[in-house]
Amino acid sequence: MRAAVEDHLGAGVVRADTQTGGFSPGAAARLTASDGRRAFVKAISSDPNPESPEFHRREARIASQLPADAPVPRLLWTFDDGEWVVLLFEDIDGTHPAIPWRDDELARVLTALHELGVALTPSPIDAPPIASALAQLLTGWRSFVASGSTPDGWAGRHLHDLASLEAPWSDGVAGTTLLHTDLRADNVLLTTDRVVFIDWPWAAIGAPWLDLANMLPSIAMQGGPEPWTIFDAHPSSADADPAAVTAYVAGLAGFFVWGASQPAPPGLPTLREFQRAQGEHAVRWLQQRTGWG
């Protein structure tokens, strides 16, 4: 793999700075070549998680089609020998937002998120509708009912009502915006003059407020405001149907709470705790929207 990367660059790699964050069990590094050029590489195999290479293949398909003027890294090259998948991107001279979130950086990201939605409406590429992309995921409360298990606290007391509320979430999410669908602080880079959104394997098409809704529980769990204080005032949510938002938040909360109750996937030991923490804030958002005691 190293030889393939160096052959593509036409120069040897003299420095590789590992990048932390995210949940992929693969390699992620900023590279410096002997001629001074820089690039970012991410690589993964089927060990320890056999599903991970397909995520990189999906990202390669999406990234290769994104518009040149979109605030995303440019895909330079891919390598796939059936076992290892390598993606080489332009290196973005930026950093992830500070955690806990700083007010100024959060404001930058929220503004850029709205601008991203405007720029990617209508979607410039083919991608699945979000109703089908998330159809197997936003079923958490119904999964609890089917399994005969009950979550703790408020969610457990209202489980069957939550399952009913969650069920029609896909009815209100149609739209023409290309969505990232997995935005968190570790999928954002801040440079001196722009905000760049990275890691696009889950891109889908739907209503413009969905990326905002998806990101807000992670913002809250990492020291930012509670979701409703941002969502209700954000321009991306201006035309959102309140009932559709509530149904979607129900699906999102159920996804996090159900996911957190499951065994960790191979090679992803921190995922369930991250879902649990997001689930707490998503459930509070759902309490606020439903008004259920």
Protein backbone atom coordinates (compact mmCIF):
# COMPACT_ATOMS: atom_id res chain seq x y z
CA MET A 1 0.00 0.00 0.00
CA ARG A 2 2.77 2.41 0.87
CA ALA A 3 4.47 1.65 -2.44
CA ALA A 4 1.21 2.26 -4.29
CA VAL A 5 0.71 5.62 -2.56
CA GLU A 6 4.28 6.70 -3.26
CA ASP A 7 4.00 5.56 -6.86
CA HIS A 8 0.91 7.73 -7.28
CA LEU A 9 2.58 10.71 -5.61
CA GLY A 10 5.76 10.19 -7.61
CA ALA A 11 7.77 10.77 -4.44
CA GLY A 12 8.57 9.00 -1.19
CA VAL A 13 6.63 9.67 1.99
CA VAL A 14 8.98 11.19 4.56
CA ARG A 15 6.43 11.93 7.27
CA ALA A 16 3.05 10.55 8.31
CA ASP A 17 1.11 12.21 11.13
CA THR A 18 -1.64 9.97 12.45
CA GLN A 19 -5.00 11.69 12.90
CA THR A 20 -7.27 10.73 15.80
CA GLY A 21 -11.04 10.94 16.14
CA GLY A 22 -13.93 9.19 14.47
CA PHE A 23 -14.76 5.50 14.73
CA SER A 24 -13.05 3.80 11.81
CA PRO A 25 -10.58 1.09 12.90
CA GLY A 26 -8.35 1.93 9.92
CA ALA A 27 -5.42 4.26 9.34
CA ALA A 28 -5.81 8.02 8.88
CA ALA A 29 -2.74 10.19 8.40
CA ARG A 30 -1.48 13.43 6.97
CA LEU A 31 1.40 12.68 4.62
CA THR A 32 4.38 14.78 3.61
CA ALA A 33 6.26 13.69 0.48
CA SER A 34 9.98 14.15 -0.18
CA ASP A 35 9.17 16.94 -2.65
CA GLY A 36 7.16 18.85 -0.01
CA ARG A 37 3.69 17.96 -1.24
CA ARG A 38 1.05 17.00 1.30
CA ALA A 39 -1.94 14.69 1.18
CA PHE A 40 -4.33 12.96 3.54
CA VAL A 41 -4.67 9.16 3.40
CA LYS A 42 -7.23 6.85 4.95
CA ALA A 43 -6.96 3.09 4.58
CA ILE A 44 -8.75 0.08 5.95
CA SER A 45 -9.02 -3.68 5.59
CA SER A 46 -11.65 -6.21 6.61
CA ASP A 47 -9.74 -6.94 9.85
CA PRO A 48 -11.12 -6.32 12.47
CA ASN A 49 -14.41 -5.08 10.99
CA PRO A 50 -15.41 -6.85 7.77
CA GLU A 51 -17.94 -4.12 6.84
CA SER A 52 -15.47 -1.22 6.97
CA PRO A 53 -13.90 -1.56 3.49
CA GLU A 54 -17.32 -1.13 1.88
CA PHE A 55 -17.73 2.17 3.75
CA HIS A 56 -14.51 3.44 2.13
CA ARG A 57 -15.65 2.22 -1.29
CA ARG A 58 -18.93 4.06 -0.82
CA GLU A 59 -17.08 7.22 0.22
CA ALA A 60 -14.88 6.99 -2.87
CA ARG A 61 -17.95 6.85 -5.12
CA ILE A 62 -19.54 9.85 -3.42
CA ALA A 63 -16.38 11.96 -3.07
CA SER A 64 -15.45 11.51 -6.72
CA GLN A 65 -18.73 13.15 -7.75
CA LEU A 66 -18.92 16.08 -5.34
CA PRO A 67 -18.69 19.51 -7.01
CA ALA A 68 -15.26 21.11 -7.16
CA ASP A 69 -16.54 24.24 -5.41
CA ALA A 70 -18.20 22.36 -2.52
CA PRO A 71 -16.55 22.78 0.91
CA VAL A 72 -15.21 19.22 0.90
CA PRO A 73 -11.74 17.70 0.41
CA ARG A 74 -10.86 16.80 -3.19
CA LEU A 75 -10.40 13.07 -3.79
CA LEU A 76 -7.04 12.53 -5.52
CA TRP A 77 -6.77 8.76 -5.94
CA THR A 78 -8.07 5.39 -4.74
CA PHE A 79 -6.54 1.94 -4.38
CA ASP A 80 -8.55 -1.26 -3.86
CA ASP A 81 -7.04 -4.74 -4.01
CA GLY A 82 -10.17 -6.44 -2.67
CA GLU A 83 -8.86 -6.54 0.89
CA TRP A 84 -7.43 -3.07 1.53
CA VAL A 85 -9.09 0.14 0.38
CA VAL A 86 -7.05 3.35 0.32
CA LEU A 87 -8.37 6.87 -0.30
CA LEU A 88 -6.00 9.77 -0.93
CA PHE A 89 -7.40 13.27 -0.47
CA GLU A 90 -6.01 16.75 -0.63
CA ASP A 91 -4.73 17.72 2.80
CA ILE A 92 -6.83 20.44 4.43
CA ASP A 93 -4.78 22.82 6.55
CA GLY A 94 -7.32 22.97 9.36
CA THR A 95 -8.30 21.57 12.73
CA HIS A 96 -11.39 20.02 14.25
CA PRO A 97 -13.56 22.29 16.40
CA ALA A 98 -12.50 22.54 20.02
CA ILE A 99 -14.31 20.26 22.46
CA PRO A 100 -16.15 21.47 24.49
CA TRP A 101 -17.57 23.58 21.70
CA ARG A 102 -16.61 27.27 21.61
CA ASP A 103 -19.39 29.72 20.79
CA ASP A 104 -17.50 31.33 17.90
CA GLU A 105 -16.60 28.03 16.26
CA LEU A 106 -20.10 26.66 16.69
CA ALA A 107 -21.52 29.79 15.05
CA ARG A 108 -19.15 29.32 12.10
CA VAL A 109 -20.13 25.69 11.66
CA LEU A 110 -23.87 26.35 11.90
CA THR A 111 -23.64 29.12 9.31
CA ALA A 112 -21.57 26.92 7.01
CA LEU A 113 -24.02 24.05 7.45
CA HIS A 114 -26.85 26.22 6.16
CA GLU A 115 -24.70 27.38 3.25
CA LEU A 116 -23.80 23.77 2.47
CA GLY A 117 -27.47 22.85 2.23
CA VAL A 118 -28.19 25.78 -0.09
CA ALA A 119 -25.21 24.91 -2.31
CA LEU A 120 -26.22 21.24 -2.56
CA THR A 121 -29.87 21.90 -3.42
CA PRO A 122 -30.84 20.39 -5.75
CA SER A 123 -28.43 17.50 -5.26
CA PRO A 124 -25.63 17.64 -7.84
CA ILE A 125 -25.13 13.85 -7.75
CA ASP A 126 -27.14 10.67 -7.58
CA ALA A 127 -27.59 9.33 -4.05
CA PRO A 128 -30.30 7.31 -2.29
CA PRO A 129 -33.28 9.07 -0.74
CA ILE A 130 -32.81 9.35 3.01
CA ALA A 131 -36.03 7.44 3.66
CA SER A 132 -34.46 4.34 2.15
CA ALA A 133 -30.90 5.05 3.36
CA LEU A 134 -32.02 5.07 7.01
CA ALA A 135 -34.96 2.68 6.74
CA GLN A 136 -33.21 -0.09 8.69
CA LEU A 137 -31.73 2.26 11.29
CA LEU A 138 -34.48 4.50 12.66
CA THR A 139 -36.46 1.66 14.19
CA GLY A 140 -35.10 1.72 17.73
CA TRP A 141 -38.27 2.05 19.78
CA ARG A 142 -40.01 -0.60 17.66
CA SER A 143 -36.96 -2.83 18.16
CA PHE A 144 -37.36 -2.51 21.94
CA VAL A 145 -41.03 -3.50 21.64
CA ALA A 146 -40.24 -6.45 19.39
CA SER A 147 -37.45 -7.67 21.68
CA GLY A 148 -39.58 -7.47 24.80
CA SER A 149 -37.02 -5.24 26.50
CA THR A 150 -37.65 -1.79 27.94
CA PRO A 151 -35.31 1.22 28.16
CA ASP A 152 -34.92 3.02 31.45
CA GLY A 153 -36.77 6.11 32.63
CA TRP A 154 -39.04 8.34 30.57
CA ALA A 155 -38.51 6.38 27.37
CA GLY A 156 -39.50 3.14 29.04
CA ARG A 157 -42.70 4.66 30.44
CA HIS A 158 -43.69 5.92 26.99
CA LEU A 159 -42.21 3.09 24.90
CA HIS A 160 -45.28 2.08 22.93
CA ASP A 161 -46.23 5.70 22.23
CA LEU A 162 -42.66 6.35 21.07
CA ALA A 163 -42.80 3.34 18.76
CA SER A 164 -45.98 4.73 17.23
CA LEU A 165 -44.48 8.22 16.95
CA GLU A 166 -41.33 6.89 15.31
CA ALA A 167 -43.07 4.65 12.75
CA PRO A 168 -44.00 7.32 10.15
CA TRP A 169 -40.71 9.28 10.33
CA SER A 170 -39.96 8.64 6.66
CA ASP A 171 -43.19 10.36 5.53
CA GLY A 172 -41.86 13.85 6.20
CA VAL A 173 -38.20 13.78 5.13
CA ALA A 174 -38.41 14.01 1.34
CA GLY A 175 -36.47 16.79 -0.36
CA THR A 176 -33.83 17.55 -2.97
CA THR A 177 -30.84 18.46 -0.78
CA LEU A 178 -27.70 16.32 -0.79
CA LEU A 179 -27.13 15.48 2.87
CA HIS A 180 -24.00 14.34 4.67
CA THR A 181 -26.17 12.55 7.31
CA ASP A 182 -23.28 11.89 9.74
CA LEU A 183 -22.05 15.31 10.80
CA ARG A 184 -20.18 15.61 14.10
CA ALA A 185 -17.21 17.64 15.28
CA ASP A 186 -14.78 15.00 14.00
CA ASN A 187 -16.26 15.32 10.50
CA VAL A 188 -15.63 19.07 10.38
CA LEU A 189 -12.38 20.96 9.74
CA LEU A 190 -11.92 24.67 10.42
CA THR A 191 -9.38 26.61 8.38
CA THR A 192 -8.60 30.30 8.69
CA ASP A 193 -11.30 31.22 6.17
CA ARG A 194 -13.69 28.32 5.65
CA VAL A 195 -15.43 25.29 7.15
CA VAL A 196 -14.80 21.96 5.40
CA PHE A 197 -17.05 18.92 5.78
CA ILE A 198 -15.25 15.57 5.52
CA ASP A 199 -16.14 11.84 5.41
CA TRP A 200 -19.11 11.40 3.05
CA PRO A 201 -19.89 7.65 2.81
CA TRP A 202 -23.47 8.09 4.06
CA ALA A 203 -24.61 10.82 1.65
CA ALA A 204 -28.34 10.77 0.88
CA ILE A 205 -30.99 13.11 -0.51
CA GLY A 206 -33.75 14.64 1.58
CA ALA A 207 -35.10 17.68 3.40
CA PRO A 208 -32.57 20.46 4.14
CA TRP A 209 -33.09 20.41 7.92
CA LEU A 210 -32.00 16.80 8.40
CA ASP A 211 -28.24 17.35 8.63
CA LEU A 212 -28.86 19.93 11.33
CA ALA A 213 -31.12 17.57 13.27
CA ASN A 214 -28.62 14.73 13.00
CA MET A 215 -25.74 16.85 14.30
CA LEU A 216 -27.42 18.51 17.27
CA PRO A 217 -27.30 15.63 19.81
CA SER A 218 -23.53 15.34 19.32
CA ILE A 219 -23.13 19.10 19.75
CA ALA A 220 -25.02 18.95 23.04
CA MET A 221 -23.05 15.96 24.34
CA GLN A 222 -19.80 17.79 23.55
CA GLY A 223 -20.58 20.89 25.55
CA GLY A 224 -22.84 22.83 23.20
CA PRO A 225 -26.44 23.98 23.69
CA GLU A 226 -29.37 21.60 23.83
CA PRO A 227 -30.74 20.71 20.36
CA TRP A 228 -33.96 22.67 20.42
CA THR A 229 -32.25 25.95 21.28
CA ILE A 230 -30.34 25.72 17.99
CA PHE A 231 -32.83 23.95 15.73
CA ASP A 232 -35.77 26.26 16.28
CA ALA A 233 -33.74 29.37 15.40
CA HIS A 234 -31.67 27.97 12.52
CA PRO A 235 -32.54 29.00 8.95
CA SER A 236 -32.36 25.39 7.72
CA SER A 237 -35.43 24.55 9.82
CA ALA A 238 -37.54 27.52 8.69
CA ASP A 239 -39.84 25.48 6.44
CA ALA A 240 -39.74 22.22 8.39
CA ASP A 241 -43.09 20.68 9.26
CA PRO A 242 -43.22 20.39 13.09
CA ALA A 243 -44.89 16.97 13.04
CA ALA A 244 -42.29 15.66 10.60
CA VAL A 245 -39.48 16.96 12.81
CA THR A 246 -40.96 15.33 15.92
CA ALA A 247 -41.34 11.98 14.16
CA TYR A 248 -37.78 12.18 12.90
CA VAL A 249 -36.38 13.13 16.31
CA ALA A 250 -38.26 10.13 17.70
CA GLY A 251 -36.53 7.92 15.15
CA LEU A 252 -33.16 9.49 15.86
CA ALA A 253 -33.50 9.12 19.63
CA GLY A 254 -34.62 5.53 19.25
CA PHE A 255 -31.64 4.77 17.02
CA PHE A 256 -29.19 6.06 19.64
CA VAL A 257 -30.85 4.42 22.65
CA TRP A 258 -31.34 1.05 20.95
CA GLY A 259 -27.83 1.14 19.47
CA ALA A 260 -26.29 1.89 22.85
CA SER A 261 -27.95 -1.22 24.28
CA GLN A 262 -26.28 -3.53 21.75
CA PRO A 263 -22.84 -5.20 21.86
CA ALA A 264 -20.02 -3.15 20.35
CA PRO A 265 -19.26 -3.94 16.68
CA PRO A 266 -15.84 -5.50 16.00
CA GLY A 267 -13.10 -2.90 16.13
CA LEU A 268 -15.41 -0.09 17.33
CA PRO A 269 -15.21 -0.24 21.14
CA THR A 270 -16.17 3.40 21.76
CA LEU A 271 -19.22 3.58 19.49
CA ARG A 272 -21.86 2.47 22.00
CA GLU A 273 -20.84 5.01 24.63
CA PHE A 274 -20.95 7.75 22.00
CA GLN A 275 -24.46 6.62 21.02
CA ARG A 276 -25.54 6.50 24.66
CA ALA A 277 -24.43 10.07 25.30
CA GLN A 278 -26.11 11.36 22.15
CA GLY A 279 -29.22 9.40 23.06
CA GLU A 280 -29.58 11.25 26.35
CA HIS A 281 -29.77 14.60 24.55
CA ALA A 282 -31.96 13.27 21.74
CA VAL A 283 -34.43 11.94 24.32
CA ARG A 284 -34.47 15.31 26.11
CA TRP A 285 -35.18 16.96 22.76
CA LEU A 286 -38.01 14.51 22.20
CA GLN A 287 -39.41 15.23 25.66
CA GLN A 288 -39.34 18.94 24.83
CA ARG A 289 -41.13 18.42 21.49
CA THR A 290 -43.82 16.04 22.77
CA GLY A 291 -44.49 17.65 26.13
CA TRP A 292 -45.12 14.20 27.56
CA GLY A 293 -44.63 14.10 31.31
